[in-house]
């Protein structure tokens, strides 16, 4: 398992993923980005106002949800969130930006 940093505008979340996910993180990030913004998907991260779906509000937990639901087949290797809203982390870790 490997640590991956999910950088946000002002802070970051650190998640733990299987090695093969860390190796393909950029491609999986692109797939996630399409999935999270596709209004045909009824995931729990949408913002609703007047019964309309709006741009999803998410952090690293949404990415972990996507990995565990759609990408990771071996449930003994599920991803997890280690820390949220951190501002000091190892810059040598693999990272993606949302």
N, C-alpha and C. Protein backbone atom coordinates (compact mmCIF):
# COMPACT_ATOMS: atom_id res chain seq x y z
N UNK A 1 0.85 -1.18 0.00
CA UNK A 1 0.00 0.00 0.00
C UNK A 1 0.90 1.25 0.00
N UNK A 2 0.42 2.27 -0.70
CA UNK A 2 1.20 3.52 -0.85
C UNK A 2 0.35 4.71 -0.45
N UNK A 3 1.02 5.72 0.09
CA UNK A 3 0.36 6.98 0.39
C UNK A 3 0.30 7.83 -0.87
N UNK A 4 -0.82 8.50 -1.06
CA UNK A 4 -1.01 9.44 -2.16
C UNK A 4 -1.61 10.71 -1.57
N UNK A 5 -1.09 11.84 -2.01
CA UNK A 5 -1.60 13.13 -1.55
C UNK A 5 -2.60 13.65 -2.57
N UNK A 6 -3.76 14.05 -2.09
CA UNK A 6 -4.75 14.70 -2.93
C UNK A 6 -4.74 16.17 -2.54
N UNK A 7 -4.13 16.97 -3.40
CA UNK A 7 -3.98 18.39 -3.11
C UNK A 7 -5.24 19.16 -3.50
N UNK A 8 -5.66 20.01 -2.60
CA UNK A 8 -6.78 20.91 -2.85
C UNK A 8 -6.21 22.33 -2.93
N UNK A 9 -7.05 23.30 -2.98
CA UNK A 9 -6.57 24.67 -3.11
C UNK A 9 -5.71 25.11 -1.93
N UNK A 10 -6.18 24.85 -0.71
CA UNK A 10 -5.48 25.36 0.47
C UNK A 10 -4.88 24.30 1.37
N UNK A 11 -5.21 23.04 1.13
CA UNK A 11 -4.70 21.96 1.96
C UNK A 11 -4.72 20.66 1.16
N UNK A 12 -4.60 19.55 1.84
CA UNK A 12 -4.55 18.26 1.14
C UNK A 12 -5.12 17.16 2.01
N UNK A 13 -5.52 16.07 1.36
CA UNK A 13 -5.91 14.85 2.04
C UNK A 13 -4.88 13.79 1.67
N UNK A 14 -4.59 12.91 2.60
CA UNK A 14 -3.65 11.82 2.33
C UNK A 14 -4.43 10.52 2.40
N UNK A 15 -4.30 9.73 1.32
CA UNK A 15 -5.01 8.46 1.25
C UNK A 15 -4.00 7.33 1.11
N UNK A 16 -4.46 6.13 1.39
CA UNK A 16 -3.64 4.93 1.26
C UNK A 16 -4.29 4.07 0.19
N UNK A 17 -3.50 3.69 -0.82
CA UNK A 17 -4.02 2.92 -1.95
C UNK A 17 -3.11 1.73 -2.25
N UNK A 18 -3.64 0.71 -2.92
CA UNK A 18 -2.78 -0.39 -3.36
C UNK A 18 -1.71 0.11 -4.33
N UNK A 19 -0.59 -0.57 -4.38
CA UNK A 19 0.54 -0.16 -5.22
C UNK A 19 0.14 0.08 -6.67
N UNK A 20 -0.67 -0.81 -7.24
CA UNK A 20 -1.04 -0.68 -8.65
C UNK A 20 -1.89 0.56 -8.92
N UNK A 21 -2.63 1.01 -7.92
CA UNK A 21 -3.41 2.24 -8.06
C UNK A 21 -2.46 3.44 -8.09
N UNK A 22 -1.50 3.44 -7.19
CA UNK A 22 -0.53 4.54 -7.13
C UNK A 22 0.23 4.64 -8.45
N UNK A 23 0.54 3.52 -9.07
CA UNK A 23 1.28 3.51 -10.33
C UNK A 23 0.47 4.07 -11.50
N UNK A 24 -0.85 4.01 -11.41
CA UNK A 24 -1.73 4.48 -12.48
C UNK A 24 -2.62 5.65 -12.04
N UNK A 25 -2.16 6.41 -11.08
CA UNK A 25 -3.00 7.40 -10.42
C UNK A 25 -3.51 8.50 -11.35
N UNK A 26 -2.71 8.95 -12.29
CA UNK A 26 -3.14 10.03 -13.19
C UNK A 26 -4.28 9.57 -14.10
N UNK A 27 -4.16 8.37 -14.64
CA UNK A 27 -5.22 7.83 -15.50
C UNK A 27 -6.51 7.64 -14.69
N UNK A 28 -6.38 7.10 -13.49
CA UNK A 28 -7.55 6.89 -12.64
C UNK A 28 -8.16 8.23 -12.22
N UNK A 29 -7.33 9.22 -12.00
CA UNK A 29 -7.84 10.56 -11.67
C UNK A 29 -8.71 11.09 -12.81
N UNK A 30 -8.28 10.90 -14.04
CA UNK A 30 -9.06 11.35 -15.20
C UNK A 30 -10.41 10.63 -15.26
N UNK A 31 -10.39 9.32 -15.01
CA UNK A 31 -11.64 8.55 -14.99
C UNK A 31 -12.57 9.04 -13.88
N UNK A 32 -11.99 9.28 -12.72
CA UNK A 32 -12.76 9.79 -11.59
C UNK A 32 -13.39 11.14 -11.92
N UNK A 33 -12.60 12.00 -12.52
CA UNK A 33 -13.09 13.34 -12.86
C UNK A 33 -14.30 13.28 -13.80
N UNK A 34 -14.24 12.40 -14.77
CA UNK A 34 -15.40 12.22 -15.66
C UNK A 34 -16.59 11.68 -14.89
N UNK A 35 -16.35 10.69 -14.04
CA UNK A 35 -17.42 10.06 -13.28
C UNK A 35 -18.08 11.04 -12.31
N UNK A 36 -17.28 11.78 -11.56
CA UNK A 36 -17.83 12.65 -10.50
C UNK A 36 -18.68 13.77 -11.08
N UNK A 37 -18.38 14.21 -12.32
CA UNK A 37 -19.12 15.31 -12.94
C UNK A 37 -20.24 14.87 -13.88
N UNK A 38 -20.38 13.56 -14.07
CA UNK A 38 -21.41 13.03 -14.96
C UNK A 38 -22.75 13.00 -14.23
N UNK A 39 -23.69 13.85 -14.63
CA UNK A 39 -24.98 13.96 -13.94
C UNK A 39 -25.81 12.68 -14.01
N UNK A 40 -25.44 11.75 -14.86
CA UNK A 40 -26.13 10.46 -14.92
C UNK A 40 -25.78 9.58 -13.72
N UNK A 41 -24.70 9.90 -13.04
CA UNK A 41 -24.27 9.12 -11.87
C UNK A 41 -24.90 9.67 -10.60
N UNK A 42 -25.51 8.79 -9.85
CA UNK A 42 -26.15 9.19 -8.59
C UNK A 42 -25.25 8.87 -7.41
N UNK A 43 -24.13 9.55 -7.34
CA UNK A 43 -23.23 9.37 -6.20
C UNK A 43 -23.62 10.35 -5.08
N UNK A 44 -23.08 10.15 -3.89
CA UNK A 44 -23.48 10.97 -2.75
C UNK A 44 -22.79 12.33 -2.64
N UNK A 45 -22.12 12.79 -3.68
CA UNK A 45 -21.33 14.02 -3.57
C UNK A 45 -21.94 15.22 -4.28
N UNK A 46 -23.11 15.03 -4.89
CA UNK A 46 -23.77 16.15 -5.56
C UNK A 46 -24.29 17.16 -4.54
N UNK A 47 -24.36 18.40 -4.98
CA UNK A 47 -25.02 19.45 -4.20
C UNK A 47 -26.37 19.67 -4.88
N UNK A 48 -27.43 19.63 -4.09
CA UNK A 48 -28.78 19.81 -4.64
C UNK A 48 -29.36 21.14 -4.16
N UNK A 49 -29.96 21.84 -5.09
CA UNK A 49 -30.66 23.08 -4.76
C UNK A 49 -31.89 23.14 -5.66
N UNK A 50 -33.05 23.27 -5.04
CA UNK A 50 -34.32 23.30 -5.77
C UNK A 50 -34.45 22.06 -6.66
N UNK A 51 -34.07 20.90 -6.11
CA UNK A 51 -34.16 19.60 -6.78
C UNK A 51 -33.31 19.48 -8.05
N UNK A 52 -32.30 20.31 -8.19
CA UNK A 52 -31.38 20.23 -9.33
C UNK A 52 -29.99 19.86 -8.81
N UNK A 53 -29.29 19.06 -9.61
CA UNK A 53 -27.91 18.67 -9.29
C UNK A 53 -26.96 19.78 -9.70
N UNK A 54 -26.03 20.06 -8.82
CA UNK A 54 -24.98 21.03 -9.12
C UNK A 54 -23.62 20.39 -8.89
N UNK A 55 -22.62 21.07 -9.37
CA UNK A 55 -21.24 20.60 -9.29
C UNK A 55 -20.98 19.89 -7.96
N UNK A 56 -20.44 18.70 -8.03
CA UNK A 56 -20.21 17.96 -6.79
C UNK A 56 -19.23 18.66 -5.86
N UNK A 57 -19.48 18.49 -4.61
CA UNK A 57 -18.60 19.01 -3.56
C UNK A 57 -17.89 17.79 -2.98
N UNK A 58 -16.58 17.74 -3.10
CA UNK A 58 -15.88 16.53 -2.66
C UNK A 58 -14.48 16.82 -2.18
N UNK A 59 -13.93 15.82 -1.49
CA UNK A 59 -12.54 15.82 -1.03
C UNK A 59 -11.98 14.43 -1.34
N UNK A 60 -10.93 14.07 -0.65
CA UNK A 60 -10.29 12.78 -0.88
C UNK A 60 -11.19 11.59 -0.61
N UNK A 61 -12.17 11.76 0.27
CA UNK A 61 -13.07 10.66 0.56
C UNK A 61 -13.89 10.25 -0.66
N UNK A 62 -14.20 11.20 -1.54
CA UNK A 62 -14.94 10.87 -2.78
C UNK A 62 -14.06 10.03 -3.70
N UNK A 63 -12.79 10.37 -3.78
CA UNK A 63 -11.87 9.59 -4.61
C UNK A 63 -11.72 8.18 -4.06
N UNK A 64 -11.62 8.05 -2.74
CA UNK A 64 -11.54 6.73 -2.10
C UNK A 64 -12.82 5.94 -2.36
N UNK A 65 -13.97 6.59 -2.27
CA UNK A 65 -15.26 5.95 -2.58
C UNK A 65 -15.24 5.39 -4.00
N UNK A 66 -14.80 6.21 -4.95
CA UNK A 66 -14.73 5.79 -6.34
C UNK A 66 -13.79 4.58 -6.50
N UNK A 67 -12.61 4.67 -5.91
CA UNK A 67 -11.65 3.57 -6.01
C UNK A 67 -12.23 2.27 -5.47
N UNK A 68 -12.82 2.34 -4.28
CA UNK A 68 -13.33 1.13 -3.63
C UNK A 68 -14.59 0.59 -4.31
N UNK A 69 -15.35 1.45 -4.95
CA UNK A 69 -16.60 1.02 -5.58
C UNK A 69 -16.39 0.53 -7.01
N UNK A 70 -15.49 1.18 -7.76
CA UNK A 70 -15.38 0.91 -9.20
C UNK A 70 -14.02 0.38 -9.68
N UNK A 71 -12.97 0.58 -8.94
CA UNK A 71 -11.63 0.24 -9.44
C UNK A 71 -11.03 -0.97 -8.73
N UNK A 72 -11.02 -0.96 -7.43
CA UNK A 72 -10.35 -2.02 -6.66
C UNK A 72 -11.25 -3.25 -6.57
N UNK A 73 -10.75 -4.35 -7.09
CA UNK A 73 -11.50 -5.60 -7.10
C UNK A 73 -11.31 -6.39 -5.80
N UNK A 74 -10.10 -6.38 -5.29
CA UNK A 74 -9.76 -7.14 -4.08
C UNK A 74 -10.13 -6.32 -2.85
N UNK A 75 -11.22 -6.68 -2.20
CA UNK A 75 -11.73 -5.91 -1.07
C UNK A 75 -10.79 -5.92 0.13
N UNK A 76 -9.82 -6.82 0.14
CA UNK A 76 -8.83 -6.81 1.23
C UNK A 76 -7.79 -5.71 1.03
N UNK A 77 -7.81 -5.07 -0.16
CA UNK A 77 -6.86 -4.00 -0.47
C UNK A 77 -7.56 -2.66 -0.68
N UNK A 78 -8.67 -2.44 0.00
CA UNK A 78 -9.41 -1.19 -0.20
C UNK A 78 -8.59 0.02 0.21
N UNK A 79 -8.81 1.11 -0.51
CA UNK A 79 -8.17 2.39 -0.20
C UNK A 79 -8.83 2.98 1.04
N UNK A 80 -8.14 3.89 1.69
CA UNK A 80 -8.72 4.57 2.85
C UNK A 80 -8.11 5.97 2.98
N UNK A 81 -8.82 6.82 3.68
CA UNK A 81 -8.33 8.16 3.98
C UNK A 81 -7.51 8.07 5.26
N UNK A 82 -6.29 8.58 5.21
CA UNK A 82 -5.44 8.59 6.40
C UNK A 82 -5.57 9.90 7.17
N UNK A 83 -5.55 11.02 6.42
CA UNK A 83 -5.63 12.35 7.04
C UNK A 83 -6.37 13.28 6.09
N UNK A 84 -7.10 14.23 6.67
CA UNK A 84 -7.80 15.22 5.85
C UNK A 84 -7.40 16.62 6.29
N UNK A 85 -7.40 17.51 5.31
CA UNK A 85 -7.14 18.93 5.53
C UNK A 85 -5.78 19.20 6.17
N UNK A 86 -4.76 18.49 5.69
CA UNK A 86 -3.40 18.70 6.19
C UNK A 86 -2.71 19.79 5.36
N UNK A 87 -1.82 20.50 6.00
CA UNK A 87 -1.07 21.53 5.29
C UNK A 87 0.42 21.22 5.24
N UNK A 88 0.84 20.26 6.02
CA UNK A 88 2.25 19.88 6.05
C UNK A 88 2.34 18.37 5.78
N UNK A 89 2.96 18.03 4.65
CA UNK A 89 3.08 16.62 4.27
C UNK A 89 4.34 16.45 3.44
N UNK A 90 4.74 15.21 3.26
CA UNK A 90 5.94 14.86 2.51
C UNK A 90 5.72 15.15 1.02
N UNK A 91 6.42 16.14 0.50
CA UNK A 91 6.27 16.55 -0.90
C UNK A 91 6.82 15.51 -1.88
N UNK A 92 7.52 14.49 -1.36
CA UNK A 92 8.04 13.44 -2.23
C UNK A 92 6.99 12.38 -2.56
N UNK A 93 5.86 12.41 -1.83
CA UNK A 93 4.80 11.44 -2.09
C UNK A 93 4.14 11.73 -3.44
N UNK A 94 3.64 10.69 -4.07
CA UNK A 94 2.85 10.86 -5.30
C UNK A 94 1.67 11.74 -4.96
N UNK A 95 1.34 12.67 -5.86
CA UNK A 95 0.21 13.55 -5.58
C UNK A 95 -0.60 13.81 -6.84
N UNK A 96 -1.87 14.13 -6.62
CA UNK A 96 -2.78 14.59 -7.67
C UNK A 96 -3.44 15.84 -7.15
N UNK A 97 -3.96 16.64 -8.06
CA UNK A 97 -4.55 17.91 -7.66
C UNK A 97 -5.98 18.00 -8.14
N UNK A 98 -6.87 18.42 -7.24
CA UNK A 98 -8.26 18.69 -7.60
C UNK A 98 -8.56 20.14 -7.31
